[in-house]
Amino acid sequence: MTYILIHNPGCGSSKKGLELLQSKGIEPKVRKYMSAAERLSVEELKDIAKKMGAKSPRAFLREKDAEAAGLSDKASDEQVYAAMAENPKLIQRPIGINGKKAVLGRPNERLLDIA
């Protein structure tokens, strides 16, 4: 299986997550989701939530950016997924995906749970 890291090279936590994986001999396929060419679709976001075992996309939503982006705390899951696909800054990072499992790397050591 290929380990995929949903990564923002401009984020310190995301950089540390990548460095941690590499220090353990894991060379993940890096998905720079902030890039227009590599953005995550609503379906991909739903798949990540499923692999995390999360009931809602709020499990990996950057709450502090949601309000500023106009996303209400009463927004439906479908609205949250759509907002995250439209504005990737709303996605918490890093996220590790390995096969049928995914994990939010907060703290970064959690990325190793699915390695």
PDB file of N, CA and C in Angstrom:
ATOM      1  N   MET A   1       0.829  -1.186   0.000  1.00  0.00           N
ATOM      2  CA  MET A   1       0.000   0.000   0.000  1.00  0.00           C
ATOM      3  C   MET A   1       0.873   1.248   0.000  1.00  0.00           C
ATOM      4  N   THR A   2       0.379   2.268  -0.608  1.00  0.00           N
ATOM      5  CA  THR A   2       1.081   3.540  -0.656  1.00  0.00           C
ATOM      6  C   THR A   2       0.531   4.451   0.428  1.00  0.00           C
ATOM      7  N   TYR A   3       1.406   4.960   1.248  1.00  0.00           N
ATOM      8  CA  TYR A   3       1.024   5.926   2.274  1.00  0.00           C
ATOM      9  C   TYR A   3       0.883   7.277   1.575  1.00  0.00           C
ATOM     10  N   ILE A   4      -0.251   7.932   1.767  1.00  0.00           N
ATOM     11  CA  ILE A   4      -0.501   9.245   1.177  1.00  0.00           C
ATOM     12  C   ILE A   4      -0.555  10.266   2.298  1.00  0.00           C
ATOM     13  N   LEU A   5       0.129  11.370   2.126  1.00  0.00           N
ATOM     14  CA  LEU A   5       0.093  12.447   3.107  1.00  0.00           C
ATOM     15  C   LEU A   5      -0.579  13.659   2.481  1.00  0.00           C
ATOM     16  N   ILE A   6      -1.697  14.060   3.069  1.00  0.00           N
ATOM     17  CA  ILE A   6      -2.374  15.290   2.656  1.00  0.00           C
ATOM     18  C   ILE A   6      -1.590  16.397   3.345  1.00  0.00           C
ATOM     19  N   HIS A   7      -0.879  17.179   2.552  1.00  0.00           N
ATOM     20  CA  HIS A   7       0.199  18.026   3.062  1.00  0.00           C
ATOM     21  C   HIS A   7       0.111  19.454   2.545  1.00  0.00           C
ATOM     22  N   ASN A   8       0.415  20.385   3.454  1.00  0.00           N
ATOM     23  CA  ASN A   8       0.549  21.793   3.090  1.00  0.00           C
ATOM     24  C   ASN A   8       1.982  22.187   3.420  1.00  0.00           C
ATOM     25  N   PRO A   9       2.839  22.383   2.406  1.00  0.00           N
ATOM     26  CA  PRO A   9       4.237  22.712   2.667  1.00  0.00           C
ATOM     27  C   PRO A   9       4.433  24.031   3.403  1.00  0.00           C
ATOM     28  N   GLY A  10       3.394  24.863   3.461  1.00  0.00           N
ATOM     29  CA  GLY A  10       3.493  26.130   4.180  1.00  0.00           C
ATOM     30  C   GLY A  10       3.099  26.030   5.648  1.00  0.00           C
ATOM     31  N   CYS A  11       2.762  24.832   6.107  1.00  0.00           N
ATOM     32  CA  CYS A  11       2.296  24.618   7.480  1.00  0.00           C
ATOM     33  C   CYS A  11       3.377  23.892   8.283  1.00  0.00           C
ATOM     34  N   GLY A  12       3.754  24.455   9.411  1.00  0.00           N
ATOM     35  CA  GLY A  12       4.787  23.857  10.251  1.00  0.00           C
ATOM     36  C   GLY A  12       4.428  22.460  10.739  1.00  0.00           C
ATOM     37  N   SER A  13       3.187  22.264  11.161  1.00  0.00           N
ATOM     38  CA  SER A  13       2.771  20.932  11.640  1.00  0.00           C
ATOM     39  C   SER A  13       2.832  19.915  10.513  1.00  0.00           C
ATOM     40  N   SER A  14       2.424  20.340   9.328  1.00  0.00           N
ATOM     41  CA  SER A  14       2.443  19.439   8.182  1.00  0.00           C
ATOM     42  C   SER A  14       3.889  19.078   7.813  1.00  0.00           C
ATOM     43  N   LYS A  15       4.773  20.053   7.847  1.00  0.00           N
ATOM     44  CA  LYS A  15       6.195  19.790   7.561  1.00  0.00           C
ATOM     45  C   LYS A  15       6.775  18.802   8.567  1.00  0.00           C
ATOM     46  N   LYS A  16       6.441  19.006   9.845  1.00  0.00           N
ATOM     47  CA  LYS A  16       6.949  18.107  10.892  1.00  0.00           C
ATOM     48  C   LYS A  16       6.391  16.699  10.715  1.00  0.00           C
ATOM     49  N   GLY A  17       5.144  16.597  10.271  1.00  0.00           N
ATOM     50  CA  GLY A  17       4.556  15.282  10.021  1.00  0.00           C
ATOM     51  C   GLY A  17       5.284  14.544   8.917  1.00  0.00           C
ATOM     52  N   LEU A  18       5.601  15.253   7.837  1.00  0.00           N
ATOM     53  CA  LEU A  18       6.346  14.650   6.730  1.00  0.00           C
ATOM     54  C   LEU A  18       7.734  14.227   7.202  1.00  0.00           C
ATOM     55  N   GLU A  19       8.405  15.091   7.954  1.00  0.00           N
ATOM     56  CA  GLU A  19       9.738  14.763   8.468  1.00  0.00           C
ATOM     57  C   GLU A  19       9.697  13.539   9.385  1.00  0.00           C
ATOM     58  N   LEU A  20       8.656  13.430  10.216  1.00  0.00           N
ATOM     59  CA  LEU A  20       8.515  12.287  11.113  1.00  0.00           C
ATOM     60  C   LEU A  20       8.384  10.993  10.313  1.00  0.00           C
ATOM     61  N   LEU A  21       7.514  10.998   9.317  1.00  0.00           N
ATOM     62  CA  LEU A  21       7.347   9.802   8.488  1.00  0.00           C
ATOM     63  C   LEU A  21       8.661   9.417   7.825  1.00  0.00           C
ATOM     64  N   GLN A  22       9.334  10.399   7.240  1.00  0.00           N
ATOM     65  CA  GLN A  22      10.594  10.120   6.554  1.00  0.00           C
ATOM     66  C   GLN A  22      11.656   9.601   7.524  1.00  0.00           C
ATOM     67  N   SER A  23      11.658  10.102   8.758  1.00  0.00           N
ATOM     68  CA  SER A  23      12.634   9.634   9.754  1.00  0.00           C
ATOM     69  C   SER A  23      12.400   8.176  10.132  1.00  0.00           C
ATOM     70  N   LYS A  24      11.198   7.685   9.885  1.00  0.00           N
ATOM     71  CA  LYS A  24      10.850   6.289  10.174  1.00  0.00           C
ATOM     72  C   LYS A  24      10.930   5.419   8.921  1.00  0.00           C
ATOM     73  N   GLY A  25      11.504   5.983   7.845  1.00  0.00           N
ATOM     74  CA  GLY A  25      11.691   5.226   6.617  1.00  0.00           C
ATOM     75  C   GLY A  25      10.455   5.152   5.732  1.00  0.00           C
ATOM     76  N   ILE A  26       9.468   5.989   6.013  1.00  0.00           N
ATOM     77  CA  ILE A  26       8.240   6.023   5.213  1.00  0.00           C
ATOM     78  C   ILE A  26       8.332   7.203   4.259  1.00  0.00           C
ATOM     79  N   GLU A  27       8.287   6.916   2.970  1.00  0.00           N
ATOM     80  CA  GLU A  27       8.330   7.973   1.957  1.00  0.00           C
ATOM     81  C   GLU A  27       6.938   8.065   1.337  1.00  0.00           C
ATOM     82  N   PRO A  28       6.078   8.917   1.907  1.00  0.00           N
ATOM     83  CA  PRO A  28       4.703   8.967   1.432  1.00  0.00           C
ATOM     84  C   PRO A  28       4.566   9.661   0.079  1.00  0.00           C
ATOM     85  N   LYS A  29       3.480   9.335  -0.588  1.00  0.00           N
ATOM     86  CA  LYS A  29       3.081  10.111  -1.763  1.00  0.00           C
ATOM     87  C   LYS A  29       2.470  11.384  -1.193  1.00  0.00           C
ATOM     88  N   VAL A  30       3.020  12.523  -1.541  1.00  0.00           N
ATOM     89  CA  VAL A  30       2.583  13.797  -0.973  1.00  0.00           C
ATOM     90  C   VAL A  30       1.530  14.427  -1.871  1.00  0.00           C
ATOM     91  N   ARG A  31       0.408  14.762  -1.270  1.00  0.00           N
ATOM     92  CA  ARG A  31      -0.683  15.427  -1.982  1.00  0.00           C
ATOM     93  C   ARG A  31      -0.767  16.855  -1.453  1.00  0.00           C
ATOM     94  N   LYS A  32      -0.330  17.799  -2.252  1.00  0.00           N
ATOM     95  CA  LYS A  32      -0.324  19.211  -1.868  1.00  0.00           C
ATOM     96  C   LYS A  32      -1.707  19.791  -2.170  1.00  0.00           C
ATOM     97  N   TYR A  33      -2.631  19.539  -1.267  1.00  0.00           N
ATOM     98  CA  TYR A  33      -4.045  19.828  -1.477  1.00  0.00           C
ATOM     99  C   TYR A  33      -4.375  21.313  -1.596  1.00  0.00           C
ATOM    100  N   MET A  34      -3.474  22.186  -1.224  1.00  0.00           N
ATOM    101  CA  MET A  34      -3.732  23.628  -1.363  1.00  0.00           C
ATOM    102  C   MET A  34      -3.545  24.076  -2.814  1.00  0.00           C
ATOM    103  N   SER A  35      -2.825  23.300  -3.590  1.00  0.00           N
ATOM    104  CA  SER A  35      -2.605  23.600  -5.000  1.00  0.00           C
ATOM    105  C   SER A  35      -3.894  23.334  -5.775  1.00  0.00           C
ATOM    106  N   ALA A  36      -4.246  24.222  -6.671  1.00  0.00           N
ATOM    107  CA  ALA A  36      -5.473  24.058  -7.454  1.00  0.00           C
ATOM    108  C   ALA A  36      -5.488  22.729  -8.203  1.00  0.00           C
ATOM    109  N   ALA A  37      -4.333  22.279  -8.639  1.00  0.00           N
ATOM    110  CA  ALA A  37      -4.253  21.029  -9.398  1.00  0.00           C
ATOM    111  C   ALA A  37      -4.423  19.792  -8.525  1.00  0.00           C
ATOM    112  N   GLU A  38      -4.260  19.929  -7.209  1.00  0.00           N
ATOM    113  CA  GLU A  38      -4.309  18.766  -6.313  1.00  0.00           C
ATOM    114  C   GLU A  38      -5.393  18.880  -5.244  1.00  0.00           C
ATOM    115  N   ARG A  39      -6.329  19.794  -5.435  1.00  0.00           N
ATOM    116  CA  ARG A  39      -7.408  19.954  -4.451  1.00  0.00           C
ATOM    117  C   ARG A  39      -8.201  18.674  -4.278  1.00  0.00           C
ATOM    118  N   LEU A  40      -8.771  18.533  -3.101  1.00  0.00           N
ATOM    119  CA  LEU A  40      -9.590  17.369  -2.778  1.00  0.00           C
ATOM    120  C   LEU A  40     -11.046  17.632  -3.175  1.00  0.00           C
ATOM    121  N   SER A  41     -11.660  16.652  -3.786  1.00  0.00           N
ATOM    122  CA  SER A  41     -13.071  16.766  -4.160  1.00  0.00           C
ATOM    123  C   SER A  41     -13.951  16.427  -2.959  1.00  0.00           C
ATOM    124  N   VAL A  42     -15.227  16.736  -3.064  1.00  0.00           N
ATOM    125  CA  VAL A  42     -16.181  16.374  -2.012  1.00  0.00           C
ATOM    126  C   VAL A  42     -16.147  14.869  -1.792  1.00  0.00           C
ATOM    127  N   GLU A  43     -16.104  14.084  -2.870  1.00  0.00           N
ATOM    128  CA  GLU A  43     -16.073  12.618  -2.732  1.00  0.00           C
ATOM    129  C   GLU A  43     -14.808  12.152  -2.021  1.00  0.00           C
ATOM    130  N   GLU A  44     -13.674  12.763  -2.321  1.00  0.00           N
ATOM    131  CA  GLU A  44     -12.429  12.392  -1.645  1.00  0.00           C
ATOM    132  C   GLU A  44     -12.495  12.752  -0.159  1.00  0.00           C
ATOM    133  N   LEU A  45     -13.075  13.895   0.153  1.00  0.00           N
ATOM    134  CA  LEU A  45     -13.224  14.300   1.550  1.00  0.00           C
ATOM    135  C   LEU A  45     -14.133  13.339   2.306  1.00  0.00           C
ATOM    136  N   LYS A  46     -15.205  12.904   1.658  1.00  0.00           N
ATOM    137  CA  LYS A  46     -16.104  11.923   2.283  1.00  0.00           C
ATOM    138  C   LYS A  46     -15.376  10.602   2.511  1.00  0.00           C
ATOM    139  N   ASP A  47     -14.535  10.219   1.575  1.00  0.00           N
ATOM    140  CA  ASP A  47     -13.767   8.984   1.703  1.00  0.00           C
ATOM    141  C   ASP A  47     -12.776   9.081   2.869  1.00  0.00           C
ATOM    142  N   ILE A  48     -12.155  10.235   3.025  1.00  0.00           N
ATOM    143  CA  ILE A  48     -11.227  10.439   4.141  1.00  0.00           C
ATOM    144  C   ILE A  48     -11.984  10.310   5.466  1.00  0.00           C
ATOM    145  N   ALA A  49     -13.140  10.945   5.567  1.00  0.00           N
ATOM    146  CA  ALA A  49     -13.932  10.861   6.797  1.00  0.00           C
ATOM    147  C   ALA A  49     -14.284   9.412   7.102  1.00  0.00           C
ATOM    148  N   LYS A  50     -14.685   8.677   6.083  1.00  0.00           N
ATOM    149  CA  LYS A  50     -15.044   7.262   6.263  1.00  0.00           C
ATOM    150  C   LYS A  50     -13.836   6.473   6.765  1.00  0.00           C
ATOM    151  N   LYS A  51     -12.679   6.708   6.153  1.00  0.00           N
ATOM    152  CA  LYS A  51     -11.467   5.984   6.554  1.00  0.00           C
ATOM    153  C   LYS A  51     -11.019   6.364   7.960  1.00  0.00           C
ATOM    154  N   MET A  52     -11.375   7.563   8.409  1.00  0.00           N
ATOM    155  CA  MET A  52     -11.059   7.996   9.770  1.00  0.00           C
ATOM    156  C   MET A  52     -12.046   7.407  10.779  1.00  0.00           C
ATOM    157  N   GLY A  53     -13.171   6.932  10.259  1.00  0.00           N
ATOM    158  CA  GLY A  53     -14.233   6.472  11.157  1.00  0.00           C
ATOM    159  C   GLY A  53     -15.004   7.640  11.729  1.00  0.00           C
ATOM    160  N   ALA A  54     -14.934   8.782  11.045  1.00  0.00           N
ATOM    161  CA  ALA A  54     -15.586  10.001  11.517  1.00  0.00           C
ATOM    162  C   ALA A  54     -17.024  10.075  11.000  1.00  0.00           C
ATOM    163  N   LYS A  55     -17.893  10.569  11.834  1.00  0.00           N
ATOM    164  CA  LYS A  55     -19.297  10.714  11.452  1.00  0.00           C
ATOM    165  C   LYS A  55     -19.550  12.032  10.751  1.00  0.00           C
ATOM    166  N   SER A  56     -18.598  12.930  10.827  1.00  0.00           N
ATOM    167  CA  SER A  56     -18.782  14.268  10.276  1.00  0.00           C
ATOM    168  C   SER A  56     -17.452  14.806   9.753  1.00  0.00           C
ATOM    169  N   PRO A  57     -17.507  15.663   8.733  1.00  0.00           N
ATOM    170  CA  PRO A  57     -16.272  16.290   8.253  1.00  0.00           C
ATOM    171  C   PRO A  57     -15.681  17.255   9.275  1.00  0.00           C
ATOM    172  N   ARG A  58     -16.454  17.575  10.286  1.00  0.00           N
ATOM    173  CA  ARG A  58     -15.945  18.471  11.325  1.00  0.00           C
ATOM    174  C   ARG A  58     -14.776  17.844  12.086  1.00  0.00           C
ATOM    175  N   ALA A  59     -14.580  16.530  11.928  1.00  0.00           N
ATOM    176  CA  ALA A  59     -13.464  15.837  12.572  1.00  0.00           C
ATOM    177  C   ALA A  59     -12.120  16.349  12.051  1.00  0.00           C
ATOM    178  N   PHE A  60     -12.121  16.922  10.842  1.00  0.00           N
ATOM    179  CA  PHE A  60     -10.877  17.469  10.294  1.00  0.00           C
ATOM    180  C   PHE A  60     -11.085  18.856   9.678  1.00  0.00           C
ATOM    181  N   LEU A  61     -12.003  19.595  10.268  1.00  0.00           N
ATOM    182  CA  LEU A  61     -12.279  20.978   9.865  1.00  0.00           C
ATOM    183  C   LEU A  61     -11.478  21.919  10.749  1.00  0.00           C
ATOM    184  N   ARG A  62     -10.844  22.902  10.143  1.00  0.00           N
ATOM    185  CA  ARG A  62     -10.142  23.943  10.913  1.00  0.00           C
ATOM    186  C   ARG A  62     -11.203  24.931  11.391  1.00  0.00           C
ATOM    187  N   GLU A  63     -11.694  24.692  12.593  1.00  0.00           N
ATOM    188  CA  GLU A  63     -12.787  25.495  13.148  1.00  0.00           C
ATOM    189  C   GLU A  63     -12.448  26.984  13.170  1.00  0.00           C
ATOM    190  N   LYS A  64     -11.197  27.313  13.494  1.00  0.00           N
ATOM    191  CA  LYS A  64     -10.841  28.735  13.611  1.00  0.00           C
ATOM    192  C   LYS A  64     -10.936  29.455  12.264  1.00  0.00           C
ATOM    193  N   ASP A  65     -10.789  28.723  11.169  1.00  0.00           N
ATOM    194  CA  ASP A  65     -10.907  29.347   9.848  1.00  0.00           C
ATOM    195  C   ASP A  65     -12.327  29.270   9.303  1.00  0.00           C
ATOM    196  N   ALA A  66     -13.142  28.382   9.851  1.00  0.00           N
ATOM    197  CA  ALA A  66     -14.498  28.178   9.346  1.00  0.00           C
ATOM    198  C   ALA A  66     -15.353  29.430   9.501  1.00  0.00           C
ATOM    199  N   GLU A  67     -15.312  30.035  10.666  1.00  0.00           N
ATOM    200  CA  GLU A  67     -16.126  31.227  10.906  1.00  0.00           C
ATOM    201  C   GLU A  67     -15.707  32.365   9.990  1.00  0.00           C
ATOM    202  N   ALA A  68     -14.401  32.557   9.848  1.00  0.00           N
ATOM    203  CA  ALA A  68     -13.889  33.623   8.985  1.00  0.00           C
ATOM    204  C   ALA A  68     -14.293  33.399   7.529  1.00  0.00           C
ATOM    205  N   ALA A  69     -14.463  32.130   7.148  1.00  0.00           N
ATOM    206  CA  ALA A  69     -14.855  31.805   5.775  1.00  0.00           C
ATOM    207  C   ALA A  69     -16.374  31.855   5.596  1.00  0.00           C
ATOM    208  N   GLY A  70     -17.085  32.191   6.674  1.00  0.00           N
ATOM    209  CA  GLY A  70     -18.537  32.304   6.579  1.00  0.00           C
ATOM    210  C   GLY A  70     -19.278  30.990   6.754  1.00  0.00           C
ATOM    211  N   LEU A  71     -18.608  29.985   7.286  1.00  0.00           N
ATOM    212  CA  LEU A  71     -19.236  28.685   7.501  1.00  0.00           C
ATOM    213  C   LEU A  71     -19.820  28.655   8.912  1.00  0.00           C
ATOM    214  N   SER A  72     -21.119  28.577   8.986  1.00  0.00           N
ATOM    215  CA  SER A  72     -21.822  28.585  10.260  1.00  0.00           C
ATOM    216  C   SER A  72     -21.577  27.295  11.029  1.00  0.00           C
ATOM    217  N   ASP A  73     -21.611  27.384  12.359  1.00  0.00           N
ATOM    218  CA  ASP A  73     -21.476  26.177  13.164  1.00  0.00           C
ATOM    219  C   ASP A  73     -22.727  25.299  13.056  1.00  0.00           C
ATOM    220  N   LYS A  74     -23.760  25.812  12.409  1.00  0.00           N
ATOM    221  CA  LYS A  74     -24.984  25.051  12.179  1.00  0.00           C
ATOM    222  C   LYS A  74     -25.037  24.471  10.753  1.00  0.00           C
ATOM    223  N   ALA A  75     -23.969  24.651   9.991  1.00  0.00           N
ATOM    224  CA  ALA A  75     -23.928  24.150   8.611  1.00  0.00           C
ATOM    225  C   ALA A  75     -24.047  22.630   8.600  1.00  0.00           C
ATOM    226  N   SER A  76     -24.727  22.107   7.600  1.00  0.00           N
ATOM    227  CA  SER A  76     -24.865  20.658   7.458  1.00  0.00           C
ATOM    228  C   SER A  76     -23.538  20.056   7.025  1.00  0.00           C
ATOM    229  N   ASP A  77     -23.418  18.735   7.165  1.00  0.00           N
ATOM    230  CA  ASP A  77     -22.204  18.060   6.721  1.00  0.00           C
ATOM    231  C   ASP A  77     -21.967  18.306   5.234  1.00  0.00           C
ATOM    232  N   GLU A  78     -23.017  18.274   4.439  1.00  0.00           N
ATOM    233  CA  GLU A  78     -22.866  18.514   2.997  1.00  0.00           C
ATOM    234  C   GLU A  78     -22.316  19.915   2.738  1.00  0.00           C
ATOM    235  N   GLN A  79     -22.779  20.891   3.504  1.00  0.00           N
ATOM    236  CA  GLN A  79     -22.267  22.255   3.344  1.00  0.00           C
ATOM    237  C   GLN A  79     -20.803  22.342   3.771  1.00  0.00           C
ATOM    238  N   VAL A  80     -20.449  21.603   4.816  1.00  0.00           N
ATOM    239  CA  VAL A  80     -19.058  21.604   5.283  1.00  0.00           C
ATOM    240  C   VAL A  80     -18.155  20.964   4.229  1.00  0.00           C
ATOM    241  N   TYR A  81     -18.565  19.808   3.695  1.00  0.00           N
ATOM    242  CA  TYR A  81     -17.765  19.166   2.641  1.00  0.00           C
ATOM    243  C   TYR A  81     -17.583  20.112   1.450  1.00  0.00           C
ATOM    244  N   ALA A  82     -18.659  20.752   1.031  1.00  0.00           N
ATOM    245  CA  ALA A  82     -18.592  21.667  -0.124  1.00  0.00           C
ATOM    246  C   ALA A  82     -17.653  22.832   0.166  1.00  0.00           C
ATOM    247  N   ALA A  83     -17.740  23.369   1.374  1.00  0.00           N
ATOM    248  CA  ALA A  83     -16.872  24.495   1.748  1.00  0.00           C
ATOM    249  C   ALA A  83     -15.406  24.071   1.773  1.00  0.00           C
ATOM    250  N   MET A  84     -15.135  22.869   2.277  1.00  0.00           N
ATOM    251  CA  MET A  84     -13.756  22.375   2.332  1.00  0.00           C
ATOM    252  C   MET A  84     -13.195  22.140   0.931  1.00  0.00           C
ATOM    253  N   ALA A  85     -14.021  21.632   0.033  1.00  0.00           N
ATOM    254  CA  ALA A  85     -13.574  21.401  -1.340  1.00  0.00           C
ATOM    255  C   ALA A  85     -13.301  22.730  -2.044  1.00  0.00           C
ATOM    256  N   GLU A  86     -14.123  23.720  -1.763  1.00  0.00           N
ATOM    257  CA  GLU A  86     -13.983  25.042  -2.375  1.00  0.00           C
ATOM    258  C   GLU A  86     -12.824  25.829  -1.776  1.00  0.00           C
ATOM    259  N   ASN A  87     -12.640  25.690  -0.463  1.00  0.00           N
ATOM    260  CA  ASN A  87     -11.626  26.450   0.249  1.00  0.00           C
ATOM    261  C   ASN A  87     -10.772  25.485   1.083  1.00  0.00           C
ATOM    262  N   PRO A  88      -9.727  24.915   0.505  1.00  0.00           N
ATOM    263  CA  PRO A  88      -8.930  23.895   1.202  1.00  0.00           C
ATOM    264  C   PRO A  88      -8.259  24.378   2.482  1.00  0.00           C
ATOM    265  N   LYS A  89      -8.209  25.674   2.696  1.00  0.00           N
ATOM    266  CA  LYS A  89      -7.644  26.195   3.940  1.00  0.00           C
ATOM    267  C   LYS A  89      -8.456  25.697   5.141  1.00  0.00           C
ATOM    268  N   LEU A  90      -9.684  25.272   4.903  1.00  0.00           N
ATOM    269  CA  LEU A  90     -10.553  24.795   5.979  1.00  0.00           C
ATOM    270  C   LEU A  90     -10.220  23.376   6.435  1.00  0.00           C
ATOM    271  N   ILE A  91      -9.336  22.707   5.715  1.00  0.00           N
ATOM    272  CA  ILE A  91      -8.987  21.323   6.043  1.00  0.00           C
ATOM    273  C   ILE A  91      -7.816  21.291   7.015  1.00  0.00           C
ATOM    274  N   GLN A  92      -8.029  20.621   8.134  1.00  0.00           N
ATOM    275  CA  GLN A  92      -6.970  20.433   9.122  1.00  0.00           C
ATOM    276  C   GLN A  92      -5.887  19.538   8.521  1.00  0.00           C
ATOM    277  N   ARG A  93      -4.649  19.752   8.859  1.00  0.00           N
ATOM    278  CA  ARG A  93      -3.557  18.960   8.316  1.00  0.00           C
ATOM    279  C   ARG A  93      -2.501  18.721   9.368  1.00  0.00           C
ATOM    280  N   PRO A  94      -1.669  17.749   9.110  1.00  0.00           N
ATOM    281  CA  PRO A  94      -1.638  16.821   7.980  1.00  0.00           C
ATOM    282  C   PRO A  94      -2.600  15.648   8.205  1.00  0.00           C
ATOM    283  N   ILE A  95      -2.955  15.004   7.120  1.00  0.00           N
ATOM    284  CA  ILE A  95      -3.786  13.809   7.181  1.00  0.00           C
ATOM    285  C   ILE A  95      -3.013  12.690   6.496  1.00  0.00           C
ATOM    286  N   GLY A  96      -2.917  11.566   7.179  1.00  0.00           N
ATOM    287  CA  GLY A  96      -2.275  10.386   6.608  1.00  0.00           C
ATOM    288  C   GLY A  96      -3.338   9.405   6.144  1.00  0.00           C
ATOM    289  N   ILE A  97      -3.115   8.810   4.992  1.00  0.00           N
ATOM    290  CA  ILE A  97      -4.025   7.802   4.453  1.00  0.00           C
ATOM    291  C   ILE A  97      -3.186   6.599   4.052  1.00  0.00           C
ATOM    292  N   ASN A  98      -3.603   5.434   4.526  1.00  0.00           N
ATOM    293  CA  ASN A  98      -2.905   4.205   4.181  1.00  0.00           C
ATOM    294  C   ASN A  98      -3.949   3.113   4.023  1.00  0.00           C
ATOM    295  N   GLY A  99      -4.210   2.741   2.781  1.00  0.00           N
ATOM    296  CA  GLY A  99      -5.222   1.725   2.517  1.00  0.00           C
ATOM    297  C   GLY A  99      -6.598   2.189   2.932  1.00  0.00           C
ATOM    298  N   LYS A 100      -7.213   1.437   3.843  1.00  0.00           N
ATOM    299  CA  LYS A 100      -8.577   1.738   4.278  1.00  0.00           C
ATOM    300  C   LYS A 100      -8.622   2.557   5.558  1.00  0.00           C
ATOM    301  N   LYS A 101      -7.468   3.119   5.942  1.00  0.00           N
ATOM    302  CA  LYS A 101      -7.398   3.901   7.170  1.00  0.00           C
ATOM    303  C   LYS A 101      -6.851   5.291   6.891  1.00  0.00           C
ATOM    304  N   ALA A 102      -7.337   6.237   7.678  1.00  0.00           N
ATOM    305  CA  ALA A 102      -6.836   7.611   7.607  1.00  0.00           C
ATOM    306  C   ALA A 102      -6.798   8.165   9.023  1.00  0.00           C
ATOM    307  N   VAL A 103      -5.909   9.120   9.238  1.00  0.00           N
ATOM    308  CA  VAL A 103      -5.765   9.717  10.559  1.00  0.00           C
ATOM    309  C   VAL A 103      -5.328  11.173  10.411  1.00  0.00           C
ATOM    310  N   LEU A 104      -5.845  11.997  11.297  1.00  0.00           N
ATOM    311  CA  LEU A 104      -5.395  13.380  11.386  1.00  0.00           C
ATOM    312  C   LEU A 104      -4.129  13.397  12.223  1.00  0.00           C
ATOM    313  N   GLY A 105      -3.079  13.964  11.695  1.00  0.00           N
ATOM    314  CA  GLY A 105      -1.788  13.983  12.375  1.00  0.00           C
ATOM    315  C   GLY A 105      -1.679  15.065  13.429  1.00  0.00           C
ATOM    316  N   ARG A 106      -2.577  15.061  14.379  1.00  0.00           N
ATOM    317  CA  ARG A 106      -2.558  15.995  15.509  1.00  0.00           C
ATOM    318  C   ARG A 106      -2.663  15.192  16.784  1.00  0.00           C
ATOM    319  N   PRO A 107      -1.620  14.937  17.508  1.00  0.00           N
ATOM    320  CA  PRO A 107      -0.237  15.317  17.224  1.00  0.00           C
ATOM    321  C   PRO A 107       0.343  14.483  16.081  1.00  0.00           C
ATOM    322  N   ASN A 108       1.469  14.915  15.565  1.00  0.00           N
ATOM    323  CA  ASN A 108       2.081  14.272  14.401  1.00  0.00           C
ATOM    324  C   ASN A 108       2.321  12.787  14.585  1.00  0.00           C
ATOM    325  N   GLU A 109       2.584  12.350  15.780  1.00  0.00           N
ATOM    326  CA  GLU A 109       2.864  10.926  16.038  1.00  0.00           C
ATOM    327  C   GLU A 109       1.696  10.023  15.629  1.00  0.00           C
ATOM    328  N   ARG A 110       0.499  10.577  15.569  1.00  0.00           N
ATOM    329  CA  ARG A 110      -0.662   9.784  15.160  1.00  0.00           C
ATOM    330  C   ARG A 110      -0.517   9.305  13.724  1.00  0.00           C
ATOM    331  N   LEU A 111       0.278   9.978  12.916  1.00  0.00           N
ATOM    332  CA  LEU A 111       0.498   9.549  11.532  1.00  0.00           C
ATOM    333  C   LEU A 111       1.117   8.154  11.482  1.00  0.00           C
ATOM    334  N   LEU A 112       1.836   7.789  12.531  1.00  0.00           N
ATOM    335  CA  LEU A 112       2.493   6.475  12.575  1.00  0.00           C
ATOM    336  C   LEU A 112       1.499   5.359  12.924  1.00  0.00           C
ATOM    337  N   ASP A 113       0.335   5.702  13.454  1.00  0.00           N
ATOM    338  CA  ASP A 113      -0.662   4.705  13.847  1.00  0.00           C
ATOM    339  C   ASP A 113      -1.145   3.862  12.679  1.00  0.00           C
ATOM    340  N   ILE A 114      -1.048   4.393  11.468  1.00  0.00           N
ATOM    341  CA  ILE A 114      -1.552   3.663  10.300  1.00  0.00           C
ATOM    342  C   ILE A 114      -0.427   3.253   9.351  1.00  0.00           C
ATOM    343  N   ALA A 115       0.823   3.459   9.784  1.00  0.00           N
ATOM    344  CA  ALA A 115       1.982   3.150   8.925  1.00  0.00           C
ATOM    345  C   ALA A 115       2.182   1.654   8.784  1.00  0.00           C
TER     346      ALA A 115
END
